[in-house]
Amino acid sequence: MKNTVKGFGWTAMALITCPCHLVFIIPLLAGTALGSFLAEYETITWGVLGVLFIYFFYMGWKKLSQSDDDYAGKDDCTPKENEKKASLDCCSPQQFEK
């Protein structure tokens, strides 16, 4: 479930940063400093948004292709056997059983 939510988040960012949406983004930001910057440096903006789009799309694809079954049976909250001995609570009875 967590990978699915993260995957959709990455994919939503890819949708926003897609360079083909630049023709919609610039008029929406008209009159702002960011809008004038994007309009002035449109070539650089296309390149940066293209790189960001590829990165976000790759991360979304990677998260959505991982199934939650890969993590079934793995509990990140329970310590491993070697960690149990090292992380005793200060007031646990196990500490005094030496």
Protein backbone atom coordinates (compact mmCIF):
# COMPACT_ATOMS: atom_id res chain seq x y z
CA MET A 1 0.00 0.00 0.00
CA LYS A 2 2.77 2.43 0.91
CA ASN A 3 4.60 1.80 -2.38
CA THR A 4 1.40 2.42 -4.31
CA VAL A 5 0.83 5.79 -2.63
CA LYS A 6 4.46 6.80 -3.15
CA GLY A 7 4.29 5.65 -6.76
CA PHE A 8 1.23 7.77 -7.44
CA GLY A 9 2.94 10.75 -5.79
CA TRP A 10 6.01 10.38 -8.02
CA THR A 11 3.77 9.94 -11.06
CA ALA A 12 1.76 13.07 -10.17
CA MET A 13 5.00 15.04 -9.98
CA ALA A 14 5.97 13.63 -13.38
CA LEU A 15 2.64 14.80 -14.78
CA ILE A 16 3.19 18.32 -13.43
CA THR A 17 6.79 18.58 -14.68
CA CYS A 18 6.10 17.15 -18.13
CA PRO A 19 7.60 19.61 -20.63
CA CYS A 20 4.58 19.36 -22.90
CA HIS A 21 2.52 21.01 -20.15
CA LEU A 22 4.76 24.07 -20.23
CA VAL A 23 2.38 25.79 -22.66
CA PHE A 24 -0.29 25.56 -19.94
CA ILE A 25 1.98 26.39 -16.99
CA ILE A 26 3.41 29.65 -18.35
CA PRO A 27 0.01 31.36 -18.94
CA LEU A 28 -1.19 30.19 -15.52
CA LEU A 29 1.82 31.83 -13.90
CA ALA A 30 1.54 35.03 -15.97
CA GLY A 31 2.13 38.14 -13.93
CA THR A 32 4.31 36.37 -11.39
CA ALA A 33 8.07 36.41 -11.07
CA LEU A 34 8.22 32.67 -11.72
CA GLY A 35 6.06 33.03 -14.83
CA SER A 36 8.27 35.75 -16.28
CA PHE A 37 11.39 33.72 -15.49
CA LEU A 38 9.95 30.65 -17.24
CA ALA A 39 8.92 32.73 -20.25
CA GLU A 40 12.32 34.43 -20.50
CA TYR A 41 14.40 31.27 -20.18
CA GLU A 42 12.08 28.88 -21.97
CA THR A 43 14.85 26.73 -23.46
CA ILE A 44 16.47 26.13 -20.09
CA THR A 45 13.06 25.49 -18.58
CA TRP A 46 12.31 22.82 -21.19
CA GLY A 47 15.60 21.08 -20.40
CA VAL A 48 15.21 21.20 -16.63
CA LEU A 49 11.59 20.06 -16.77
CA GLY A 50 12.55 17.28 -19.17
CA VAL A 51 15.19 15.94 -16.78
CA LEU A 52 12.83 16.24 -13.81
CA PHE A 53 10.07 14.51 -15.77
CA ILE A 54 12.31 11.56 -16.62
CA TYR A 55 13.48 11.26 -13.00
CA PHE A 56 9.97 11.48 -11.51
CA PHE A 57 8.56 9.07 -14.09
CA TYR A 58 11.33 6.56 -13.39
CA MET A 59 10.79 6.74 -9.63
CA GLY A 60 7.03 6.39 -10.03
CA TRP A 61 7.45 3.42 -12.34
CA LYS A 62 9.89 1.82 -9.92
CA LYS A 63 7.57 2.27 -6.91
CA LEU A 64 4.45 1.12 -8.76
CA SER A 65 6.16 -1.96 -10.19
CA GLN A 66 7.19 -3.14 -6.72
CA SER A 67 4.42 -5.19 -5.24
CA ASP A 68 3.58 -5.10 -1.57
CA ASP A 69 4.00 -8.89 -1.54
CA ASP A 70 7.75 -8.34 -1.76
CA TYR A 71 7.57 -6.97 1.75
CA ALA A 72 5.11 -9.52 3.16
CA GLY A 73 6.42 -11.07 6.33
CA LYS A 74 9.02 -8.40 6.84
CA ASP A 75 8.27 -6.29 9.83
CA ASP A 76 10.49 -3.25 10.04
CA CYS A 77 9.40 -2.53 13.59
CA THR A 78 10.63 -5.73 15.18
CA PRO A 79 14.36 -5.79 15.82
CA LYS A 80 16.53 -8.53 14.40
CA GLU A 81 18.03 -11.15 16.70
CA ASN A 82 21.39 -9.41 16.94
CA GLU A 83 19.69 -6.06 17.61
CA LYS A 84 17.57 -7.43 20.46
CA LYS A 85 20.58 -7.98 22.67
CA ALA A 86 22.12 -4.60 21.96
CA SER A 87 18.95 -2.56 22.41
CA LEU A 88 17.69 -3.54 25.84
CA ASP A 89 15.54 -1.11 27.69
CA CYS A 90 17.06 0.38 30.83
CA CYS A 91 14.27 -1.02 32.99
CA SER A 92 13.72 -4.37 31.28
CA PRO A 93 14.02 -7.50 33.42
CA GLN A 94 16.24 -9.06 30.75
CA GLN A 95 18.97 -6.62 31.63
CA PHE A 96 19.36 -8.11 35.11
CA GLU A 97 19.28 -11.79 34.05
CA LYS A 98 23.02 -12.18 33.52
